[in-house]
């Protein structure tokens, strides 16, 4: 520290740099008071909503059961902070009417002043799903009453949006499954008509018809064999030639008819696999539609139950736990503390400047400095002699500075004792005057 190596040197430095330190403290204190007066008080109001578990727990009948409560709350938060909703709140309460801001900046300011946080169980084990149990809505504003009004407005909007979303989800789900039920039922009816027409047109090629035709084919082949035997016996008989010719013609005609029928049956047997495949495709489609219809019917019944539970308010619901009250104390910090901090900072800066000047000008001022720096003993110490005119001028300067310091001290004392209200009123009266 140069020449400051003892407590006496420090006191001597304070005496030499007293007016520098005093001016820095005076200017810094007045500046901090002016800055503190220009700071607006910020108030925060908080409203709390509680999420109550459903009275009747039935995951199969919940409207939007695949949507977790956490995701639903995030969707509600997005709707609350949507631009249109914020614009409606700004118009309703006339926010920022005295400030020259564009609509987008007003929306951004309101969005920044509001915070929405989910409440979860802090004692949940690591890795466990943290189910939200509530929501905290905090709004900041320079007007404490407006902060409370806005927090309660956001809370009411949250309740309204949640009720609308639940009702809409239950109604939309029920309408969807009822429409699907009608659609699938009509498709089943049309398919049954197609199957009936197909069976009527392709009865000989279906398994039942093919089975009877196979039996008929066996009988026809047996009859054909008997005709062949009859024809052989006829050839060996010794009857008249004319009678033999007539009987042979009759037997051949019967054989031709049986051959045609056998060809028809064989063609039907050959075609049957393709017809059976088509019929199986129609039946499989029918079975799929029936299974789909069963599932849709069950889901429609669940949707009806969901709507019934919703009408009776049996689902998990969001209710008001705490409404926002008008805050009594600001959260932006006390102006008194800011003034005191400014005074302390000014004092530190003043002392720092004094030390810096001492380091920049390491002058030997006292006998102790001389003996310590040069290691010699001083014989005579000549004091500083000021002229009467210089003394008078120094007294005037010191008196002016002392008056200024006393005035600053009085202002600071008044601030600390009575607060800023009296000082602000004084400034306002002077401004109006």
Protein backbone atom coordinates (compact mmCIF):
# COMPACT_ATOMS: atom_id res chain seq x y z
CA UNK A 1 0.00 0.00 0.00
CA UNK A 2 2.88 2.42 -0.46
CA UNK A 3 3.09 4.77 2.52
CA UNK A 4 0.12 3.22 4.37
CA UNK A 5 1.69 0.59 6.54
CA UNK A 6 0.04 1.24 9.91
CA UNK A 7 -3.26 2.31 11.38
CA UNK A 8 -1.85 5.80 11.96
CA UNK A 9 -0.96 6.05 8.26
CA UNK A 10 -4.52 5.02 7.39
CA UNK A 11 -5.98 7.72 9.65
CA UNK A 12 -3.61 10.25 8.15
CA UNK A 13 -4.70 9.21 4.65
CA UNK A 14 -8.37 9.66 5.67
CA UNK A 15 -7.63 13.19 6.90
CA UNK A 16 -5.79 14.12 3.72
CA UNK A 17 -8.42 12.58 1.35
CA UNK A 18 -11.43 13.39 3.50
CA UNK A 19 -13.03 15.78 1.03
CA UNK A 20 -12.49 13.44 -1.93
CA UNK A 21 -14.09 10.57 -0.04
CA UNK A 22 -16.89 12.84 1.19
CA UNK A 23 -17.66 14.12 -2.34
CA UNK A 24 -17.71 10.58 -3.78
CA UNK A 25 -19.99 9.41 -0.96
CA UNK A 26 -22.23 12.44 -1.41
CA UNK A 27 -22.56 12.04 -5.17
CA UNK A 28 -22.97 8.26 -4.96
CA UNK A 29 -25.58 8.47 -2.21
CA UNK A 30 -27.63 11.10 -4.02
CA UNK A 31 -27.34 9.09 -7.25
CA UNK A 32 -28.48 5.89 -5.53
CA UNK A 33 -31.43 7.74 -3.96
CA UNK A 34 -32.39 9.15 -7.36
CA UNK A 35 -32.09 5.71 -8.93
CA UNK A 36 -34.12 4.08 -6.14
CA UNK A 37 -36.86 6.68 -6.57
CA UNK A 38 -37.07 5.80 -10.26
CA UNK A 39 -37.55 2.09 -9.58
CA UNK A 40 -41.15 0.87 -9.60
CA UNK A 41 -42.36 -1.54 -6.97
CA UNK A 42 -43.24 -4.96 -8.31
CA UNK A 43 -45.93 -7.00 -6.59
CA UNK A 44 -46.64 -10.70 -7.07
CA UNK A 45 -50.00 -12.39 -6.56
CA UNK A 46 -50.34 -16.17 -6.51
CA UNK A 47 -53.36 -18.39 -7.13
CA UNK A 48 -53.28 -22.16 -6.63
CA UNK A 49 -55.41 -24.82 -8.37
CA UNK A 50 -55.73 -28.36 -7.06
CA UNK A 51 -56.14 -31.49 -9.21
CA UNK A 52 -58.51 -33.91 -7.52
CA UNK A 53 -58.45 -37.62 -8.34
CA UNK A 54 -61.58 -39.09 -9.96
CA UNK A 55 -64.21 -40.54 -7.65
CA UNK A 56 -64.80 -43.47 -10.01
CA UNK A 57 -61.59 -44.88 -11.48
CA UNK A 58 -62.22 -46.60 -14.81
CA UNK A 59 -59.40 -46.25 -17.30
CA UNK A 60 -61.50 -47.84 -20.04
CA UNK A 61 -64.18 -45.19 -19.87
CA UNK A 62 -62.05 -42.09 -19.54
CA UNK A 63 -62.51 -39.52 -22.26
CA UNK A 64 -59.11 -39.16 -23.83
CA UNK A 65 -57.78 -41.89 -21.59
CA UNK A 66 -54.55 -42.12 -23.57
CA UNK A 67 -53.72 -38.53 -22.71
CA UNK A 68 -51.88 -38.17 -19.40
CA UNK A 69 -52.80 -35.46 -16.95
CA UNK A 70 -49.35 -33.93 -17.40
CA UNK A 71 -49.86 -33.54 -21.14
CA UNK A 72 -53.37 -32.18 -20.62
CA UNK A 73 -52.07 -29.55 -18.21
CA UNK A 74 -49.40 -28.50 -20.69
CA UNK A 75 -52.03 -28.11 -23.39
CA UNK A 76 -54.11 -25.98 -21.01
CA UNK A 77 -51.05 -23.86 -20.22
CA UNK A 78 -50.47 -23.29 -23.93
CA UNK A 79 -54.10 -22.25 -24.36
CA UNK A 80 -53.83 -19.85 -21.41
CA UNK A 81 -50.74 -18.20 -22.88
CA UNK A 82 -52.10 -18.12 -26.41
CA UNK A 83 -52.11 -14.71 -28.08
CA UNK A 84 -55.90 -14.47 -28.47
CA UNK A 85 -56.52 -15.25 -24.81
CA UNK A 86 -53.95 -12.68 -23.66
CA UNK A 87 -55.42 -10.05 -25.99
CA UNK A 88 -58.86 -10.64 -24.46
CA UNK A 89 -57.44 -10.19 -20.95
CA UNK A 90 -55.64 -6.99 -21.97
CA UNK A 91 -58.88 -5.56 -23.42
CA UNK A 92 -60.95 -6.68 -20.43
CA UNK A 93 -58.77 -4.94 -17.85
CA UNK A 94 -57.41 -2.13 -20.03
CA UNK A 95 -53.80 -3.12 -19.41
CA UNK A 96 -50.95 -0.90 -20.59
CA UNK A 97 -53.42 1.79 -21.67
CA UNK A 98 -51.11 4.57 -20.55
CA UNK A 99 -48.06 3.11 -22.29
CA UNK A 100 -47.24 3.54 -25.96
CA UNK A 101 -46.79 -0.12 -26.86
CA UNK A 102 -47.81 -2.14 -29.89
CA UNK A 103 -50.30 -5.01 -29.40
CA UNK A 104 -47.52 -7.57 -29.80
CA UNK A 105 -45.39 -5.91 -27.13
CA UNK A 106 -48.37 -5.77 -24.77
CA UNK A 107 -48.97 -9.49 -25.25
CA UNK A 108 -45.28 -10.20 -24.69
CA UNK A 109 -45.24 -8.07 -21.51
CA UNK A 110 -48.28 -9.86 -20.08
CA UNK A 111 -46.84 -13.26 -21.01
CA UNK A 112 -43.56 -12.40 -19.26
CA UNK A 113 -45.38 -11.23 -16.13
CA UNK A 114 -47.25 -14.53 -15.67
CA UNK A 115 -45.77 -17.88 -14.60
CA UNK A 116 -47.53 -21.23 -14.42
CA UNK A 117 -45.87 -24.10 -12.56
CA UNK A 118 -47.04 -27.64 -11.89
CA UNK A 119 -47.02 -29.03 -8.36
CA UNK A 120 -45.71 -32.59 -8.06
CA UNK A 121 -44.96 -34.86 -5.13
CA UNK A 122 -41.40 -34.05 -3.99
CA UNK A 123 -41.20 -37.35 -2.08
CA UNK A 124 -41.67 -39.51 -5.18
CA UNK A 125 -38.91 -42.08 -5.64
CA UNK A 126 -36.30 -41.65 -8.34
CA UNK A 127 -37.52 -42.79 -11.73
CA UNK A 128 -41.17 -42.86 -10.67
CA UNK A 129 -43.78 -41.01 -12.70
CA UNK A 130 -44.48 -37.68 -11.02
CA UNK A 131 -48.20 -37.07 -11.34
CA UNK A 132 -49.11 -33.36 -11.04
CA UNK A 133 -51.31 -32.56 -8.05
CA UNK A 134 -51.85 -28.87 -8.69
CA UNK A 135 -50.83 -25.71 -10.52
CA UNK A 136 -49.45 -22.41 -9.23
CA UNK A 137 -50.26 -19.24 -11.19
CA UNK A 138 -48.12 -16.21 -10.33
CA UNK A 139 -48.61 -12.75 -11.87
CA UNK A 140 -46.32 -9.72 -11.39
CA UNK A 141 -47.48 -6.11 -11.73
CA UNK A 142 -46.75 -2.66 -10.38
CA UNK A 143 -50.33 -2.48 -9.05
CA UNK A 144 -50.96 -5.04 -6.30
CA UNK A 145 -54.72 -5.11 -6.93
CA UNK A 146 -54.22 -5.64 -10.65
CA UNK A 147 -51.75 -8.46 -9.95
CA UNK A 148 -54.39 -10.25 -7.83
CA UNK A 149 -57.10 -9.67 -10.47
CA UNK A 150 -54.92 -11.07 -13.25
CA UNK A 151 -53.92 -14.14 -11.20
CA UNK A 152 -57.57 -14.92 -10.45
CA UNK A 153 -58.47 -14.29 -14.10
CA UNK A 154 -55.87 -16.82 -15.26
CA UNK A 155 -57.14 -19.27 -12.64
CA UNK A 156 -60.74 -18.93 -13.83
CA UNK A 157 -59.64 -19.30 -17.44
CA UNK A 158 -57.82 -22.49 -16.49
CA UNK A 159 -60.97 -23.94 -14.93
CA UNK A 160 -63.15 -22.93 -17.89
CA UNK A 161 -60.74 -24.31 -20.49
CA UNK A 162 -60.41 -27.58 -18.59
CA UNK A 163 -64.20 -28.04 -18.37
CA UNK A 164 -64.62 -27.21 -22.06
CA UNK A 165 -61.86 -29.60 -23.04
CA UNK A 166 -63.27 -32.49 -21.01
CA UNK A 167 -66.82 -31.98 -22.30
CA UNK A 168 -65.63 -31.64 -25.88
CA UNK A 169 -63.46 -34.77 -25.59
CA UNK A 170 -66.34 -36.87 -24.22
CA UNK A 171 -68.84 -35.59 -26.83
CA UNK A 172 -66.44 -35.96 -29.75
CA UNK A 173 -65.49 -39.48 -28.72
CA UNK A 174 -69.12 -40.55 -28.40
CA UNK A 175 -70.06 -38.98 -31.76
CA UNK A 176 -67.09 -40.63 -33.46
CA UNK A 177 -67.87 -44.14 -32.24
CA UNK A 178 -71.58 -43.78 -33.00
CA UNK A 179 -70.76 -42.72 -36.56
CA UNK A 180 -68.29 -45.60 -36.91
CA UNK A 181 -70.88 -48.02 -35.56
CA UNK A 182 -73.41 -46.92 -38.20
CA UNK A 183 -70.81 -47.10 -40.97
CA UNK A 184 -69.59 -50.59 -40.11
CA UNK A 185 -73.16 -51.83 -39.67
CA UNK A 186 -74.10 -50.60 -43.15
CA UNK A 187 -70.97 -52.25 -44.60
CA UNK A 188 -71.89 -55.54 -42.92
CA UNK A 189 -75.39 -55.34 -44.41
CA UNK A 190 -74.03 -54.71 -47.90
CA UNK A 191 -71.52 -57.54 -47.55
CA UNK A 192 -74.20 -59.97 -46.39
CA UNK A 193 -76.22 -59.10 -49.50
CA UNK A 194 -73.15 -59.75 -51.68
CA UNK A 195 -72.52 -63.10 -49.95
CA UNK A 196 -76.14 -64.16 -50.44
CA UNK A 197 -76.01 -63.27 -54.15
CA UNK A 198 -72.68 -65.02 -54.54
CA UNK A 199 -73.99 -68.22 -52.90
CA UNK A 200 -77.08 -68.18 -55.10
CA UNK A 201 -75.03 -67.75 -58.29
CA UNK A 202 -72.30 -70.24 -57.38
CA UNK A 203 -74.19 -72.84 -55.38
CA UNK A 204 -72.95 -75.77 -57.53
CA UNK A 205 -69.32 -74.76 -56.94
CA UNK A 206 -69.54 -74.40 -53.20
CA UNK A 207 -68.50 -77.25 -50.88
CA UNK A 208 -72.07 -78.47 -50.31
CA UNK A 209 -72.86 -78.54 -54.04
CA UNK A 210 -69.55 -80.16 -54.90
CA UNK A 211 -70.14 -82.95 -52.38
CA UNK A 212 -73.50 -83.84 -53.93
CA UNK A 213 -72.03 -83.67 -57.42
CA UNK A 214 -69.21 -86.03 -56.42
CA UNK A 215 -71.83 -88.54 -55.26
CA UNK A 216 -73.71 -88.01 -58.52
CA UNK A 217 -70.45 -88.51 -60.46
CA UNK A 218 -69.95 -91.87 -58.76
CA UNK A 219 -73.48 -92.94 -59.64
CA UNK A 220 -73.08 -91.73 -63.24
CA UNK A 221 -69.87 -93.69 -63.68
CA UNK A 222 -71.57 -96.77 -62.27
CA UNK A 223 -74.47 -96.27 -64.70
CA UNK A 224 -72.03 -95.81 -67.54
CA UNK A 225 -70.38 -99.10 -66.64
CA UNK A 226 -73.74 -100.86 -66.59
CA UNK A 227 -74.57 -99.45 -70.02
CA UNK A 228 -71.26 -100.72 -71.35
CA UNK A 229 -72.06 -104.16 -69.99
CA UNK A 230 -75.51 -103.99 -71.54
CA UNK A 231 -73.99 -103.03 -74.84
CA UNK A 232 -71.62 -106.02 -74.70
CA UNK A 233 -74.46 -108.37 -73.85
CA UNK A 234 -76.48 -106.96 -76.71
CA UNK A 235 -73.68 -107.66 -79.16
CA UNK A 236 -73.54 -111.25 -78.04
CA UNK A 237 -77.26 -111.90 -78.28
CA UNK A 238 -78.73 -113.50 -81.37
CA UNK A 239 -81.77 -111.27 -81.86
CA UNK A 240 -82.94 -109.53 -84.91
CA UNK A 241 -80.56 -107.04 -86.46
CA UNK A 242 -83.07 -104.26 -86.43
CA UNK A 243 -83.86 -104.65 -82.76
CA UNK A 244 -80.18 -104.79 -81.94
CA UNK A 245 -79.54 -101.54 -83.81
CA UNK A 246 -82.37 -99.77 -82.00
CA UNK A 247 -81.17 -100.92 -78.61
CA UNK A 248 -77.56 -100.00 -79.42
CA UNK A 249 -78.67 -96.49 -80.46
CA UNK A 250 -80.65 -96.09 -77.27
CA UNK A 251 -77.72 -97.24 -75.11
CA UNK A 252 -75.28 -94.90 -76.92
CA UNK A 253 -77.66 -91.97 -76.45
CA UNK A 254 -77.79 -92.71 -72.71
CA UNK A 255 -74.00 -93.00 -72.59
CA UNK A 256 -73.63 -89.60 -74.34
CA UNK A 257 -75.98 -87.94 -71.88
CA UNK A 258 -74.11 -89.44 -68.97
CA UNK A 259 -70.78 -88.34 -70.50
CA UNK A 260 -72.00 -84.77 -70.87
CA UNK A 261 -73.11 -84.71 -67.26
CA UNK A 262 -69.81 -86.19 -66.11
CA UNK A 263 -67.96 -83.45 -68.04
CA UNK A 264 -70.11 -80.79 -66.40
CA UNK A 265 -69.42 -82.20 -62.96
CA UNK A 266 -65.69 -82.46 -63.62
CA UNK A 267 -65.64 -78.85 -64.83
CA UNK A 268 -67.50 -77.80 -61.68
CA UNK A 269 -64.99 -79.66 -59.52
CA UNK A 270 -62.14 -77.94 -61.36
CA UNK A 271 -63.72 -74.48 -60.91
CA UNK A 272 -64.70 -75.08 -57.27
CA UNK A 273 -61.31 -74.08 -55.65
CA UNK A 274 -61.37 -70.59 -57.19
CA UNK A 275 -65.02 -70.09 -56.22
CA UNK A 276 -64.26 -71.34 -52.72
CA UNK A 277 -61.34 -68.93 -52.48
CA UNK A 278 -63.55 -65.99 -53.44
CA UNK A 279 -66.20 -67.14 -50.99
CA UNK A 280 -63.58 -67.45 -48.23
CA UNK A 281 -62.39 -63.91 -48.96
CA UNK A 282 -65.95 -62.62 -48.56
CA UNK A 283 -66.41 -64.56 -45.33
CA UNK A 284 -63.08 -63.33 -43.96
CA UNK A 285 -64.05 -59.75 -44.76
CA UNK A 286 -67.36 -60.38 -43.03
CA UNK A 287 -65.62 -61.75 -39.94
CA UNK A 288 -63.29 -58.74 -39.84
CA UNK A 289 -66.22 -56.34 -40.06
CA UNK A 290 -68.03 -58.22 -37.31
CA UNK A 291 -64.95 -58.10 -35.06
CA UNK A 292 -64.53 -54.40 -35.81
CA UNK A 293 -68.20 -53.83 -35.10
CA UNK A 294 -67.85 -55.60 -31.73
CA UNK A 295 -64.88 -53.41 -30.74
CA UNK A 296 -66.62 -50.23 -31.89
CA UNK A 297 -69.77 -51.18 -29.98
CA UNK A 298 -67.73 -51.69 -26.82
CA UNK A 299 -65.92 -48.39 -27.29
CA UNK A 300 -69.21 -46.61 -27.97
CA UNK A 301 -70.59 -48.02 -24.73
CA UNK A 302 -67.44 -46.80 -22.93
CA UNK A 303 -67.85 -43.37 -24.51
CA UNK A 304 -71.46 -43.22 -23.31
CA UNK A 305 -70.26 -44.09 -19.83
CA UNK A 306 -67.55 -41.40 -20.12
CA UNK A 307 -70.11 -38.78 -20.99
CA UNK A 308 -72.31 -39.89 -18.12
CA UNK A 309 -69.37 -39.60 -15.72
CA UNK A 310 -68.49 -36.22 -17.19
CA UNK A 311 -72.05 -34.97 -16.73
CA UNK A 312 -71.88 -36.05 -13.09
CA UNK A 313 -68.39 -34.53 -12.69
CA UNK A 314 -66.81 -37.84 -11.66
CA UNK A 315 -63.53 -37.40 -13.57
CA UNK A 316 -60.33 -35.90 -12.17
CA UNK A 317 -61.02 -32.19 -12.03
CA UNK A 318 -59.23 -28.93 -11.38
CA UNK A 319 -60.60 -26.89 -8.51
CA UNK A 320 -59.63 -23.68 -6.77
CA UNK A 321 -57.38 -24.29 -3.77
CA UNK A 322 -56.30 -20.70 -3.09
CA UNK A 323 -57.48 -17.52 -4.75
CA UNK A 324 -54.98 -14.71 -5.23
CA UNK A 325 -55.00 -12.05 -2.52
CA UNK A 326 -53.77 -8.48 -2.89
CA UNK A 327 -50.04 -8.59 -1.98
CA UNK A 328 -48.96 -6.28 0.82
CA UNK A 329 -45.22 -6.15 0.24
CA UNK A 330 -43.32 -5.77 -3.05
CA UNK A 331 -40.90 -8.38 -4.27
CA UNK A 332 -38.67 -5.93 -6.09
CA UNK A 333 -36.70 -5.02 -2.95
CA UNK A 334 -36.90 -2.13 -0.49
CA UNK A 335 -35.88 1.32 -1.67
CA UNK A 336 -34.27 1.92 1.71
CA UNK A 337 -32.01 -1.07 1.22
CA UNK A 338 -31.08 0.16 -2.24
CA UNK A 339 -30.17 3.60 -0.83
CA UNK A 340 -28.09 2.02 1.94
CA UNK A 341 -26.35 -0.22 -0.59
CA UNK A 342 -25.61 2.86 -2.71
CA UNK A 343 -24.15 4.63 0.33
CA UNK A 344 -21.99 1.60 1.17
CA UNK A 345 -20.82 1.23 -2.43
CA UNK A 346 -19.98 4.95 -2.62
CA UNK A 347 -17.95 4.68 0.58
CA UNK A 348 -15.99 1.75 -0.82
CA UNK A 349 -15.37 3.62 -4.09
CA UNK A 350 -14.24 6.73 -2.21
CA UNK A 351 -11.79 4.74 -0.12
CA UNK A 352 -10.58 2.96 -3.23
CA UNK A 353 -9.89 6.26 -5.00
CA UNK A 354 -8.04 7.51 -1.94
CA UNK A 355 -5.84 4.41 -1.85
CA UNK A 356 -5.24 4.69 -5.60
CA UNK A 357 -4.07 8.30 -5.28
CA UNK A 358 -1.76 7.33 -2.45
CA UNK A 359 -0.26 4.57 -4.58
CA UNK A 360 0.18 6.88 -7.58
CA UNK A 361 1.86 9.59 -5.46
CA UNK A 362 4.11 7.86 -2.89
CA UNK A 363 5.21 11.15 -1.21
CA UNK A 364 7.19 11.16 2.09
CA UNK A 365 4.94 13.26 4.31
CA UNK A 366 5.96 12.54 7.89
CA UNK A 367 9.06 11.90 9.95
CA UNK A 368 8.03 8.26 10.32
CA UNK A 369 7.87 7.89 6.51
CA UNK A 370 11.37 9.37 6.17
CA UNK A 371 12.90 7.13 8.78
CA UNK A 372 11.16 4.05 7.35
CA UNK A 373 12.03 4.74 3.70
CA UNK A 374 15.62 6.14 4.02
CA UNK A 375 16.67 4.48 7.30
CA UNK A 376 17.92 7.81 8.68
CA UNK A 377 16.81 9.81 11.68
CA UNK A 378 15.22 13.23 11.03
CA UNK A 379 16.69 16.15 12.94
CA UNK A 380 14.07 18.84 12.22
CA UNK A 381 10.47 18.65 10.85
CA UNK A 382 9.21 21.93 9.33
CA UNK A 383 5.38 22.14 9.40
CA UNK A 384 3.31 23.38 6.41
CA UNK A 385 2.62 27.10 6.69
CA UNK A 386 -0.49 28.57 4.94
CA UNK A 387 -1.07 32.25 4.27
CA UNK A 388 -4.11 33.96 5.88
CA UNK A 389 -5.75 34.28 2.45
CA UNK A 390 -5.28 30.56 1.75
CA UNK A 391 -6.63 29.66 5.17
CA UNK A 392 -9.76 31.72 4.56
CA UNK A 393 -10.31 30.13 1.14
CA UNK A 394 -9.90 26.65 2.60
CA UNK A 395 -12.38 27.46 5.34
CA UNK A 396 -14.99 28.58 2.78
CA UNK A 397 -14.51 25.44 0.70
CA UNK A 398 -14.68 23.24 3.75
CA UNK A 399 -17.81 25.00 4.99
CA UNK A 400 -19.54 24.56 1.61
CA UNK A 401 -18.60 20.90 1.47
CA UNK A 402 -19.69 20.43 5.07
CA UNK A 403 -23.09 21.99 4.31
CA UNK A 404 -23.47 19.68 1.34
CA UNK A 405 -22.56 16.66 3.42
CA UNK A 406 -24.99 17.67 6.15
CA UNK A 407 -27.75 18.10 3.56
CA UNK A 408 -27.04 14.68 2.08
CA UNK A 409 -26.94 13.16 5.54
CA UNK A 410 -30.28 14.81 6.37
CA UNK A 411 -31.84 13.45 3.17
CA UNK A 412 -30.48 9.98 3.83
CA UNK A 413 -31.70 10.11 7.43
CA UNK A 414 -35.16 11.13 6.30
CA UNK A 415 -35.23 8.31 3.78
CA UNK A 416 -34.21 5.77 6.38
CA UNK A 417 -36.59 7.10 9.01
CA UNK A 418 -39.77 7.95 7.13
CA UNK A 419 -39.26 6.06 3.89
CA UNK A 420 -39.54 7.42 0.39
CA UNK A 421 -43.15 8.52 0.57
CA UNK A 422 -42.45 11.95 2.04
CA UNK A 423 -39.52 12.53 -0.31
CA UNK A 424 -41.57 11.49 -3.34
CA UNK A 425 -44.38 13.80 -2.28
CA UNK A 426 -41.93 16.66 -1.91
CA UNK A 427 -40.53 16.04 -5.38
CA UNK A 428 -44.01 15.87 -6.85
CA UNK A 429 -45.07 19.13 -5.18
CA UNK A 430 -42.01 20.91 -6.50
CA UNK A 431 -42.61 19.49 -9.97
CA UNK A 432 -46.24 20.64 -9.97
CA UNK A 433 -45.31 24.02 -8.57
